Amino acid sequence: MLAILSYHKIGPPGPGAWSTWFHVPEQTFAAHLELFDEGGWRVLDVPAALAALAKPTRRRAALITFDDGHRSVLERAAPLLAERAYPAVAFVPTGFVGRQSEWDAETHEPPEPICTWDELRRLQVLGVSVQSHGVTHRALSQLEPRELEDEVAGSKARLESELGTPVELFSFPYGDPGEGEVRAALVRAGYRGACLYGGSAVSPPADPFALPRIAIGADTDLAAALTGALPPAAG
């Protein structure tokens, strides 16, 4: 059983922003982490998650992910994760590192700060692996082949160059997996898995390049989302 959680922003909105469903309160996030302790879940890092995809087991496993690389992940989520020594993943669009989430204007979300490269390095020290969310945060189905190559391979190369760690997971912006050559481009670039947005816990995941995630917002009942798919807790 693998449950992949997908968060965006933790804590209150920043200056000039406003609260939306994507702002998960810190106390809610802490309660979610407590659920994993209470339920006998193993919280995975990227190598362990990839191993679980290659050789699924009935053990309860979770991968905690954050889309976009908002600064609140460093300031508010990472300390709570560190208290429990829980790893996590931040999917970051390289073209917006150190900027604002300017694409949010299209979806009526308030733009908020994205981590700088130095802040992403600090995230990694705290156990949050930085993986790819493309370059420009555009839906892959809207891209020409050359643009697709840059979003997939270019983002991976930039992250590995700046951070010095392997990038093996991709998160589809807007949960849009694109068409045709996307999977081949991901494989060619060296990715070993890719995450959608939305879905439920699965056992085993049918396709490592179409991994469903539980979309988490301020009012998400994570306990209920997990209950229906639970195997017995491992001894």
Protein backbone atom coordinates (compact mmCIF):
# COMPACT_ATOMS: atom_id res chain seq x y z
CA MET A 1 0.00 0.00 0.00
CA LEU A 2 1.41 3.37 -1.05
CA ALA A 3 -0.31 6.64 -0.14
CA ILE A 4 1.18 9.70 -1.83
CA LEU A 5 0.03 12.99 -0.31
CA SER A 6 0.06 16.20 -2.33
CA TYR A 7 0.26 19.52 -0.45
CA HIS A 8 0.96 23.02 -1.71
CA LYS A 9 1.11 25.69 1.03
CA ILE A 10 1.43 25.22 4.79
CA GLY A 11 0.31 27.87 7.26
CA PRO A 12 -1.36 31.24 6.72
CA PRO A 13 -1.03 33.24 3.50
CA GLY A 14 1.87 35.61 3.11
CA PRO A 15 1.70 39.42 2.97
CA GLY A 16 -0.70 40.60 0.29
CA ALA A 17 -2.12 37.09 -0.24
CA TRP A 18 -5.37 35.57 0.96
CA SER A 19 -6.29 32.19 2.35
CA THR A 20 -7.55 29.48 -0.02
CA TRP A 21 -8.18 25.74 0.13
CA PHE A 22 -4.52 25.12 -0.66
CA HIS A 23 -3.35 26.77 2.58
CA VAL A 24 -3.21 23.88 5.05
CA PRO A 25 -2.95 25.12 8.66
CA GLU A 26 0.15 24.03 10.55
CA GLN A 27 -1.92 22.24 13.18
CA THR A 28 -3.73 20.30 10.46
CA PHE A 29 -0.44 19.29 8.88
CA ALA A 30 0.91 18.21 12.28
CA ALA A 31 -2.23 16.13 12.85
CA HIS A 32 -1.69 14.42 9.50
CA LEU A 33 1.83 13.46 10.54
CA GLU A 34 0.44 12.08 13.79
CA LEU A 35 -1.88 9.82 11.78
CA PHE A 36 1.12 8.07 10.26
CA ASP A 37 2.58 7.40 13.69
CA GLU A 38 -0.71 6.09 15.02
CA GLY A 39 -1.48 3.95 11.97
CA GLY A 40 1.84 2.15 11.67
CA TRP A 41 2.83 3.87 8.43
CA ARG A 42 6.37 4.06 7.13
CA VAL A 43 7.09 7.52 5.68
CA LEU A 44 9.41 7.08 2.69
CA ASP A 45 12.20 9.06 1.14
CA VAL A 46 12.68 9.02 -2.64
CA PRO A 47 14.96 5.93 -2.84
CA ALA A 48 12.60 3.93 -0.61
CA ALA A 49 9.58 5.08 -2.61
CA LEU A 50 11.22 3.99 -5.85
CA ALA A 51 12.05 0.63 -4.29
CA ALA A 52 8.42 0.28 -3.17
CA LEU A 53 7.25 0.95 -6.72
CA ALA A 54 9.59 -1.71 -8.08
CA LYS A 55 8.69 -4.29 -5.43
CA PRO A 56 5.35 -3.51 -3.76
CA THR A 57 4.54 -4.95 -0.35
CA ARG A 58 1.46 -4.92 1.87
CA ARG A 59 3.16 -2.69 4.40
CA ARG A 60 1.59 0.74 4.87
CA ALA A 61 3.85 3.32 3.24
CA ALA A 62 3.45 7.02 2.58
CA LEU A 63 5.27 9.61 0.49
CA ILE A 64 4.71 13.24 1.50
CA THR A 65 4.99 15.68 -1.40
CA PHE A 66 4.63 19.42 -1.92
CA ASP A 67 4.03 20.96 -5.33
CA ASP A 68 5.67 24.23 -6.39
CA GLY A 69 8.35 24.74 -3.71
CA HIS A 70 6.60 27.51 -1.77
CA ARG A 71 8.73 29.10 0.94
CA SER A 72 6.16 28.01 3.53
CA VAL A 73 7.35 24.44 3.02
CA LEU A 74 10.76 25.48 4.36
CA GLU A 75 9.49 27.79 7.07
CA ARG A 76 6.48 25.84 8.37
CA ALA A 77 6.38 22.25 7.08
CA ALA A 78 10.05 21.28 7.28
CA PRO A 79 10.39 21.91 11.03
CA LEU A 80 7.36 19.71 11.75
CA LEU A 81 8.74 16.98 9.51
CA ALA A 82 12.16 17.24 11.18
CA GLU A 83 10.62 16.73 14.62
CA ARG A 84 9.64 13.23 13.53
CA ALA A 85 12.60 12.67 11.19
CA TYR A 86 10.10 12.31 8.33
CA PRO A 87 11.42 12.77 4.79
CA ALA A 88 9.39 14.48 2.07
CA VAL A 89 9.59 15.71 -1.52
CA ALA A 90 9.25 19.24 -2.96
CA PHE A 91 8.46 19.39 -6.67
CA VAL A 92 9.84 22.68 -8.01
CA PRO A 93 9.45 24.47 -11.38
CA THR A 94 13.00 25.64 -12.08
CA GLY A 95 11.97 28.75 -14.00
CA PHE A 96 10.39 30.22 -10.86
CA VAL A 97 13.08 29.52 -8.27
CA GLY A 98 13.47 32.64 -6.14
CA ARG A 99 10.39 34.26 -7.72
CA GLN A 100 6.64 34.18 -7.12
CA SER A 101 4.14 31.54 -8.19
CA GLU A 102 3.05 33.83 -11.02
CA TRP A 103 1.07 31.09 -12.79
CA ASP A 104 -1.39 31.17 -9.87
CA ALA A 105 -2.99 34.30 -11.29
CA GLU A 106 -4.57 32.11 -13.99
CA THR A 107 -6.38 30.04 -11.35
CA HIS A 108 -7.26 32.93 -9.01
CA GLU A 109 -4.75 31.78 -6.40
CA PRO A 110 -2.60 34.41 -4.69
CA PRO A 111 1.01 34.31 -5.92
CA GLU A 112 3.41 33.54 -3.09
CA PRO A 113 7.21 33.25 -2.79
CA ILE A 114 9.00 30.22 -4.20
CA CYS A 115 12.21 29.11 -2.48
CA THR A 116 15.55 30.40 -3.72
CA TRP A 117 18.31 27.96 -4.63
CA ASP A 118 19.91 28.45 -1.21
CA GLU A 119 16.57 27.78 0.46
CA LEU A 120 16.14 24.62 -1.61
CA ARG A 121 19.55 23.48 -0.39
CA ARG A 122 18.39 24.09 3.18
CA LEU A 123 15.28 22.03 2.48
CA GLN A 124 17.46 19.14 1.36
CA VAL A 125 19.52 19.34 4.55
CA LEU A 126 16.25 19.05 6.47
CA GLY A 127 15.30 15.87 4.60
CA VAL A 128 13.08 17.30 1.86
CA SER A 129 14.25 16.03 -1.52
CA VAL A 130 13.86 18.51 -4.40
CA GLN A 131 12.45 16.93 -7.55
CA SER A 132 11.10 18.28 -10.84
CA HIS A 133 7.87 20.15 -11.58
CA GLY A 134 9.05 21.23 -15.03
CA VAL A 135 10.44 24.64 -15.89
CA THR A 136 7.53 26.98 -16.59
CA HIS A 137 4.65 25.24 -14.78
CA ARG A 138 2.74 24.77 -18.02
CA ALA A 139 0.42 21.88 -18.77
CA LEU A 140 2.39 19.34 -20.81
CA SER A 141 -0.47 18.76 -23.25
CA GLN A 142 -0.04 22.36 -24.47
CA LEU A 143 3.63 22.01 -25.38
CA GLU A 144 5.44 21.45 -28.65
CA PRO A 145 7.99 18.56 -28.71
CA ARG A 146 10.99 20.86 -28.21
CA GLU A 147 9.28 22.62 -25.31
CA LEU A 148 8.40 19.28 -23.76
CA GLU A 149 12.03 18.20 -23.88
CA ASP A 150 13.12 21.35 -22.05
CA GLU A 151 10.40 21.02 -19.41
CA VAL A 152 11.33 17.41 -18.70
CA ALA A 153 15.06 17.07 -19.36
CA GLY A 154 16.01 20.72 -18.87
CA SER A 155 14.44 20.99 -15.44
CA LYS A 156 16.13 17.78 -14.31
CA ALA A 157 19.54 18.94 -15.53
CA ARG A 158 19.19 22.34 -13.82
CA LEU A 159 18.13 20.86 -10.48
CA GLU A 160 20.95 18.32 -10.49
CA SER A 161 23.49 20.99 -11.44
CA GLU A 162 22.37 23.43 -8.74
CA LEU A 163 21.69 20.96 -5.93
CA GLY A 164 24.09 18.10 -6.66
CA THR A 165 21.55 15.36 -6.00
CA PRO A 166 19.71 12.98 -8.36
CA VAL A 167 16.30 13.92 -9.72
CA GLU A 168 14.20 10.84 -10.47
CA LEU A 169 10.60 11.93 -9.89
CA PHE A 170 8.46 14.35 -11.89
CA SER A 171 5.17 15.99 -10.90
CA PHE A 172 2.86 16.97 -13.75
CA PRO A 173 1.84 20.66 -13.50
CA TYR A 174 -1.94 20.83 -13.02
CA GLY A 175 -1.94 17.02 -12.97
CA ASP A 176 -1.82 17.09 -16.79
CA PRO A 177 0.19 14.07 -18.03
CA GLY A 178 0.19 15.29 -21.62
CA GLU A 179 -0.08 13.05 -24.63
CA GLY A 180 1.98 10.93 -26.98
CA GLU A 181 5.68 11.34 -26.28
CA VAL A 182 5.56 12.45 -22.65
CA ARG A 183 6.29 9.07 -21.11
CA ALA A 184 9.11 8.43 -23.59
CA ALA A 185 10.59 11.85 -22.80
CA LEU A 186 10.49 11.12 -19.07
CA VAL A 187 12.15 7.75 -19.51
CA ARG A 188 14.75 9.17 -21.88
CA ALA A 189 15.63 11.89 -19.36
CA GLY A 190 16.18 9.29 -16.64
CA TYR A 191 13.08 9.68 -14.48
CA ARG A 192 11.74 6.60 -12.69
CA GLY A 193 8.30 7.86 -11.78
CA ALA A 194 5.83 10.70 -12.27
CA CYS A 195 2.98 11.99 -10.11
CA LEU A 196 -0.52 13.03 -11.07
CA TYR A 197 -2.71 15.28 -8.91
CA GLY A 198 -5.66 13.69 -7.17
CA GLY A 199 -6.62 10.08 -6.56
CA SER A 200 -6.28 7.73 -3.64
CA ALA A 201 -3.88 5.34 -1.98
CA VAL A 202 -3.12 2.35 -4.18
CA SER A 203 -1.68 -1.14 -3.77
CA PRO A 204 0.32 -1.72 -5.84
CA PRO A 205 0.60 1.34 -8.12
CA ALA A 206 -0.21 0.18 -11.64
CA ASP A 207 2.06 2.60 -13.49
CA PRO A 208 5.07 4.41 -11.95
CA PHE A 209 4.60 7.21 -14.52
CA ALA A 210 0.97 7.84 -13.52
CA LEU A 211 1.10 7.82 -9.74
CA PRO A 212 -2.11 9.03 -8.08
CA ARG A 213 -1.84 11.33 -5.09
CA ILE A 214 -4.29 12.30 -2.39
CA ALA A 215 -4.90 16.03 -2.93
CA ILE A 216 -4.66 17.76 0.45
CA GLY A 217 -6.38 21.03 1.29
CA ALA A 218 -7.46 22.84 4.42
CA ASP A 219 -10.56 20.68 4.96
CA THR A 220 -9.28 17.29 3.76
CA ASP A 221 -10.17 14.40 6.07
CA LEU A 222 -6.99 12.41 5.60
CA ALA A 223 -8.02 9.68 8.03
CA ALA A 224 -11.14 9.02 5.96
CA ALA A 225 -9.18 9.16 2.71
CA LEU A 226 -6.82 6.46 3.97
CA THR A 227 -9.28 4.19 5.76
CA GLY A 228 -10.94 2.57 2.77
CA ALA A 229 -7.71 1.25 1.28
CA LEU A 230 -5.81 0.13 4.36
CA PRO A 231 -4.23 -3.31 4.62
CA PRO A 232 -3.54 -4.66 8.12
CA ALA A 233 -0.75 -2.81 9.92
CA ALA A 234 2.62 -4.52 9.66
CA GLY A 235 3.95 -6.08 12.82
